[in-house]
Amino acid sequence: MLETILHILVPIAIFTFIAAFTLFAVYAERKIAGFVQDRLGPMETGKY
């Protein structure tokens, strides 16, 4: 019984970790790319 539960929970935990890391990596990549390119955001541009 315990072995069956582990066979279910371990892949779910691994998938959750990979998904969370992917979200963080994409966010960090975009923040770094924006900083390197010195882009202005919507608060600094526009008519207001």
PDB file of N, CA and C in Angstrom:
ATOM      1  N   MET A   1       0.828  -1.198   0.000  1.00  0.00           N
ATOM      2  CA  MET A   1       0.000   0.000   0.000  1.00  0.00           C
ATOM      3  C   MET A   1       0.871   1.261   0.000  1.00  0.00           C
ATOM      4  N   LEU A   2       1.872   1.278   0.869  1.00  0.00           N
ATOM      5  CA  LEU A   2       2.755   2.438   0.945  1.00  0.00           C
ATOM      6  C   LEU A   2       3.516   2.630  -0.360  1.00  0.00           C
ATOM      7  N   GLU A   3       3.893   1.525  -0.979  1.00  0.00           N
ATOM      8  CA  GLU A   3       4.624   1.601  -2.240  1.00  0.00           C
ATOM      9  C   GLU A   3       3.757   2.221  -3.337  1.00  0.00           C
ATOM     10  N   THR A   4       2.483   1.891  -3.350  1.00  0.00           N
ATOM     11  CA  THR A   4       1.563   2.456  -4.340  1.00  0.00           C
ATOM     12  C   THR A   4       1.410   3.959  -4.143  1.00  0.00           C
ATOM     13  N   ILE A   5       1.300   4.383  -2.910  1.00  0.00           N
ATOM     14  CA  ILE A   5       1.171   5.812  -2.617  1.00  0.00           C
ATOM     15  C   ILE A   5       2.430   6.550  -3.040  1.00  0.00           C
ATOM     16  N   LEU A   6       3.596   5.962  -2.787  1.00  0.00           N
ATOM     17  CA  LEU A   6       4.848   6.595  -3.196  1.00  0.00           C
ATOM     18  C   LEU A   6       4.960   6.681  -4.711  1.00  0.00           C
ATOM     19  N   HIS A   7       4.473   5.677  -5.415  1.00  0.00           N
ATOM     20  CA  HIS A   7       4.505   5.693  -6.881  1.00  0.00           C
ATOM     21  C   HIS A   7       3.592   6.776  -7.445  1.00  0.00           C
ATOM     22  N   ILE A   8       2.653   7.228  -6.673  1.00  0.00           N
ATOM     23  CA  ILE A   8       1.759   8.307  -7.114  1.00  0.00           C
ATOM     24  C   ILE A   8       2.305   9.664  -6.679  1.00  0.00           C
ATOM     25  N   LEU A   9       2.755   9.777  -5.445  1.00  0.00           N
ATOM     26  CA  LEU A   9       3.169  11.071  -4.904  1.00  0.00           C
ATOM     27  C   LEU A   9       4.511  11.562  -5.427  1.00  0.00           C
ATOM     28  N   VAL A  10       5.454  10.682  -5.639  1.00  0.00           N
ATOM     29  CA  VAL A  10       6.788  11.105  -6.090  1.00  0.00           C
ATOM     30  C   VAL A  10       6.733  11.762  -7.467  1.00  0.00           C
ATOM     31  N   PRO A  11       6.078  11.174  -8.468  1.00  0.00           N
ATOM     32  CA  PRO A  11       5.997  11.870  -9.768  1.00  0.00           C
ATOM     33  C   PRO A  11       5.249  13.198  -9.695  1.00  0.00           C
ATOM     34  N   ILE A  12       4.221  13.260  -8.855  1.00  0.00           N
ATOM     35  CA  ILE A  12       3.490  14.520  -8.696  1.00  0.00           C
ATOM     36  C   ILE A  12       4.399  15.577  -8.079  1.00  0.00           C
ATOM     37  N   ALA A  13       5.184  15.195  -7.084  1.00  0.00           N
ATOM     38  CA  ALA A  13       6.106  16.142  -6.450  1.00  0.00           C
ATOM     39  C   ALA A  13       7.175  16.599  -7.435  1.00  0.00           C
ATOM     40  N   ILE A  14       7.707  15.681  -8.226  1.00  0.00           N
ATOM     41  CA  ILE A  14       8.725  16.045  -9.218  1.00  0.00           C
ATOM     42  C   ILE A  14       8.141  16.985 -10.261  1.00  0.00           C
ATOM     43  N   PHE A  15       6.947  16.672 -10.761  1.00  0.00           N
ATOM     44  CA  PHE A  15       6.303  17.531 -11.756  1.00  0.00           C
ATOM     45  C   PHE A  15       6.031  18.918 -11.187  1.00  0.00           C
ATOM     46  N   THR A  16       5.571  18.990  -9.941  1.00  0.00           N
ATOM     47  CA  THR A  16       5.298  20.281  -9.313  1.00  0.00           C
ATOM     48  C   THR A  16       6.571  21.102  -9.183  1.00  0.00           C
ATOM     49  N   PHE A  17       7.664  20.477  -8.791  1.00  0.00           N
ATOM     50  CA  PHE A  17       8.937  21.182  -8.678  1.00  0.00           C
ATOM     51  C   PHE A  17       9.395  21.698 -10.037  1.00  0.00           C
ATOM     52  N   ILE A  18       9.308  20.866 -11.067  1.00  0.00           N
ATOM     53  CA  ILE A  18       9.735  21.282 -12.407  1.00  0.00           C
ATOM     54  C   ILE A  18       8.866  22.424 -12.915  1.00  0.00           C
ATOM     55  N   ALA A  19       7.559  22.355 -12.691  1.00  0.00           N
ATOM     56  CA  ALA A  19       6.658  23.416 -13.140  1.00  0.00           C
ATOM     57  C   ALA A  19       6.953  24.727 -12.413  1.00  0.00           C
ATOM     58  N   ALA A  20       7.166  24.673 -11.108  1.00  0.00           N
ATOM     59  CA  ALA A  20       7.463  25.887 -10.344  1.00  0.00           C
ATOM     60  C   ALA A  20       8.805  26.476 -10.764  1.00  0.00           C
ATOM     61  N   PHE A  21       9.811  25.629 -10.975  1.00  0.00           N
ATOM     62  CA  PHE A  21      11.111  26.116 -11.410  1.00  0.00           C
ATOM     63  C   PHE A  21      11.020  26.751 -12.791  1.00  0.00           C
ATOM     64  N   THR A  22      10.220  26.171 -13.683  1.00  0.00           N
ATOM     65  CA  THR A  22      10.049  26.728 -15.023  1.00  0.00           C
ATOM     66  C   THR A  22       9.412  28.109 -14.955  1.00  0.00           C
ATOM     67  N   LEU A  23       8.395  28.260 -14.124  1.00  0.00           N
ATOM     68  CA  LEU A  23       7.760  29.572 -13.969  1.00  0.00           C
ATOM     69  C   LEU A  23       8.761  30.601 -13.452  1.00  0.00           C
ATOM     70  N   PHE A  24       9.534  30.237 -12.453  1.00  0.00           N
ATOM     71  CA  PHE A  24      10.533  31.153 -11.906  1.00  0.00           C
ATOM     72  C   PHE A  24      11.604  31.486 -12.937  1.00  0.00           C
ATOM     73  N   ALA A  25      12.050  30.487 -13.700  1.00  0.00           N
ATOM     74  CA  ALA A  25      13.110  30.708 -14.689  1.00  0.00           C
ATOM     75  C   ALA A  25      12.648  31.652 -15.790  1.00  0.00           C
ATOM     76  N   VAL A  26      11.415  31.497 -16.261  1.00  0.00           N
ATOM     77  CA  VAL A  26      10.892  32.387 -17.304  1.00  0.00           C
ATOM     78  C   VAL A  26      10.763  33.804 -16.759  1.00  0.00           C
ATOM     79  N   TYR A  27      10.250  33.933 -15.536  1.00  0.00           N
ATOM     80  CA  TYR A  27      10.120  35.258 -14.923  1.00  0.00           C
ATOM     81  C   TYR A  27      11.483  35.924 -14.768  1.00  0.00           C
ATOM     82  N   ALA A  28      12.456  35.174 -14.259  1.00  0.00           N
ATOM     83  CA  ALA A  28      13.799  35.731 -14.064  1.00  0.00           C
ATOM     84  C   ALA A  28      14.435  36.104 -15.394  1.00  0.00           C
ATOM     85  N   GLU A  29      14.258  35.279 -16.411  1.00  0.00           N
ATOM     86  CA  GLU A  29      14.833  35.575 -17.723  1.00  0.00           C
ATOM     87  C   GLU A  29      14.262  36.868 -18.287  1.00  0.00           C
ATOM     88  N   ARG A  30      12.966  37.057 -18.145  1.00  0.00           N
ATOM     89  CA  ARG A  30      12.340  38.287 -18.658  1.00  0.00           C
ATOM     90  C   ARG A  30      12.781  39.519 -17.877  1.00  0.00           C
ATOM     91  N   LYS A  31      12.910  39.377 -16.556  1.00  0.00           N
ATOM     92  CA  LYS A  31      13.367  40.513 -15.750  1.00  0.00           C
ATOM     93  C   LYS A  31      14.806  40.880 -16.100  1.00  0.00           C
ATOM     94  N   ILE A  32      15.658  39.893 -16.249  1.00  0.00           N
ATOM     95  CA  ILE A  32      17.059  40.161 -16.586  1.00  0.00           C
ATOM     96  C   ILE A  32      17.169  40.742 -17.987  1.00  0.00           C
ATOM     97  N   ALA A  33      16.421  40.195 -18.943  1.00  0.00           N
ATOM     98  CA  ALA A  33      16.468  40.710 -20.314  1.00  0.00           C
ATOM     99  C   ALA A  33      15.980  42.154 -20.362  1.00  0.00           C
ATOM    100  N   GLY A  34      14.941  42.475 -19.612  1.00  0.00           N
ATOM    101  CA  GLY A  34      14.457  43.850 -19.562  1.00  0.00           C
ATOM    102  C   GLY A  34      15.470  44.789 -18.937  1.00  0.00           C
ATOM    103  N   PHE A  35      16.152  44.327 -17.913  1.00  0.00           N
ATOM    104  CA  PHE A  35      17.177  45.154 -17.275  1.00  0.00           C
ATOM    105  C   PHE A  35      18.361  45.381 -18.213  1.00  0.00           C
ATOM    106  N   VAL A  36      18.802  44.331 -18.884  1.00  0.00           N
ATOM    107  CA  VAL A  36      19.945  44.434 -19.789  1.00  0.00           C
ATOM    108  C   VAL A  36      19.616  45.348 -20.965  1.00  0.00           C
ATOM    109  N   GLN A  37      18.398  45.262 -21.476  1.00  0.00           N
ATOM    110  CA  GLN A  37      18.004  46.070 -22.629  1.00  0.00           C
ATOM    111  C   GLN A  37      17.571  47.472 -22.218  1.00  0.00           C
ATOM    112  N   ASP A  38      17.475  47.729 -20.918  1.00  0.00           N
ATOM    113  CA  ASP A  38      17.108  49.037 -20.374  1.00  0.00           C
ATOM    114  C   ASP A  38      15.790  49.541 -20.955  1.00  0.00           C
ATOM    115  N   ARG A  39      14.807  48.684 -20.948  1.00  0.00           N
ATOM    116  CA  ARG A  39      13.499  49.053 -21.483  1.00  0.00           C
ATOM    117  C   ARG A  39      12.704  49.824 -20.435  1.00  0.00           C
ATOM    118  N   LEU A  40      11.901  50.745 -20.916  1.00  0.00           N
ATOM    119  CA  LEU A  40      11.014  51.486 -20.037  1.00  0.00           C
ATOM    120  C   LEU A  40       9.660  50.795 -20.001  1.00  0.00           C
ATOM    121  N   GLY A  41       9.084  50.721 -18.833  1.00  0.00           N
ATOM    122  CA  GLY A  41       7.789  50.078 -18.686  1.00  0.00           C
ATOM    123  C   GLY A  41       6.651  51.031 -18.989  1.00  0.00           C
ATOM    124  N   PRO A  42       5.424  50.573 -18.841  1.00  0.00           N
ATOM    125  CA  PRO A  42       4.265  51.391 -19.168  1.00  0.00           C
ATOM    126  C   PRO A  42       4.092  52.602 -18.240  1.00  0.00           C
ATOM    127  N   MET A  43       4.684  52.544 -17.051  1.00  0.00           N
ATOM    128  CA  MET A  43       4.564  53.683 -16.138  1.00  0.00           C
ATOM    129  C   MET A  43       5.456  54.846 -16.578  1.00  0.00           C
ATOM    130  N   GLU A  44       6.535  54.557 -17.298  1.00  0.00           N
ATOM    131  CA  GLU A  44       7.456  55.606 -17.727  1.00  0.00           C
ATOM    132  C   GLU A  44       7.128  56.140 -19.119  1.00  0.00           C
ATOM    133  N   THR A  45       6.364  55.413 -19.889  1.00  0.00           N
ATOM    134  CA  THR A  45       6.002  55.848 -21.240  1.00  0.00           C
ATOM    135  C   THR A  45       4.500  56.062 -21.305  1.00  0.00           C
ATOM    136  N   GLY A  46       4.041  56.622 -22.369  1.00  0.00           N
ATOM    137  CA  GLY A  46       2.613  56.874 -22.517  1.00  0.00           C
ATOM    138  C   GLY A  46       2.302  58.330 -22.251  1.00  0.00           C
ATOM    139  N   LYS A  47       1.042  58.668 -22.383  1.00  0.00           N
ATOM    140  CA  LYS A  47       0.685  60.079 -22.260  1.00  0.00           C
ATOM    141  C   LYS A  47       0.397  60.521 -20.828  1.00  0.00           C
ATOM    142  N   TYR A  48       0.368  59.620 -19.859  1.00  0.00           N
ATOM    143  CA  TYR A  48       0.085  60.040 -18.487  1.00  0.00           C
ATOM    144  C   TYR A  48       1.339  60.095 -17.685  1.00  0.00           C
TER     145      TYR A  48
END
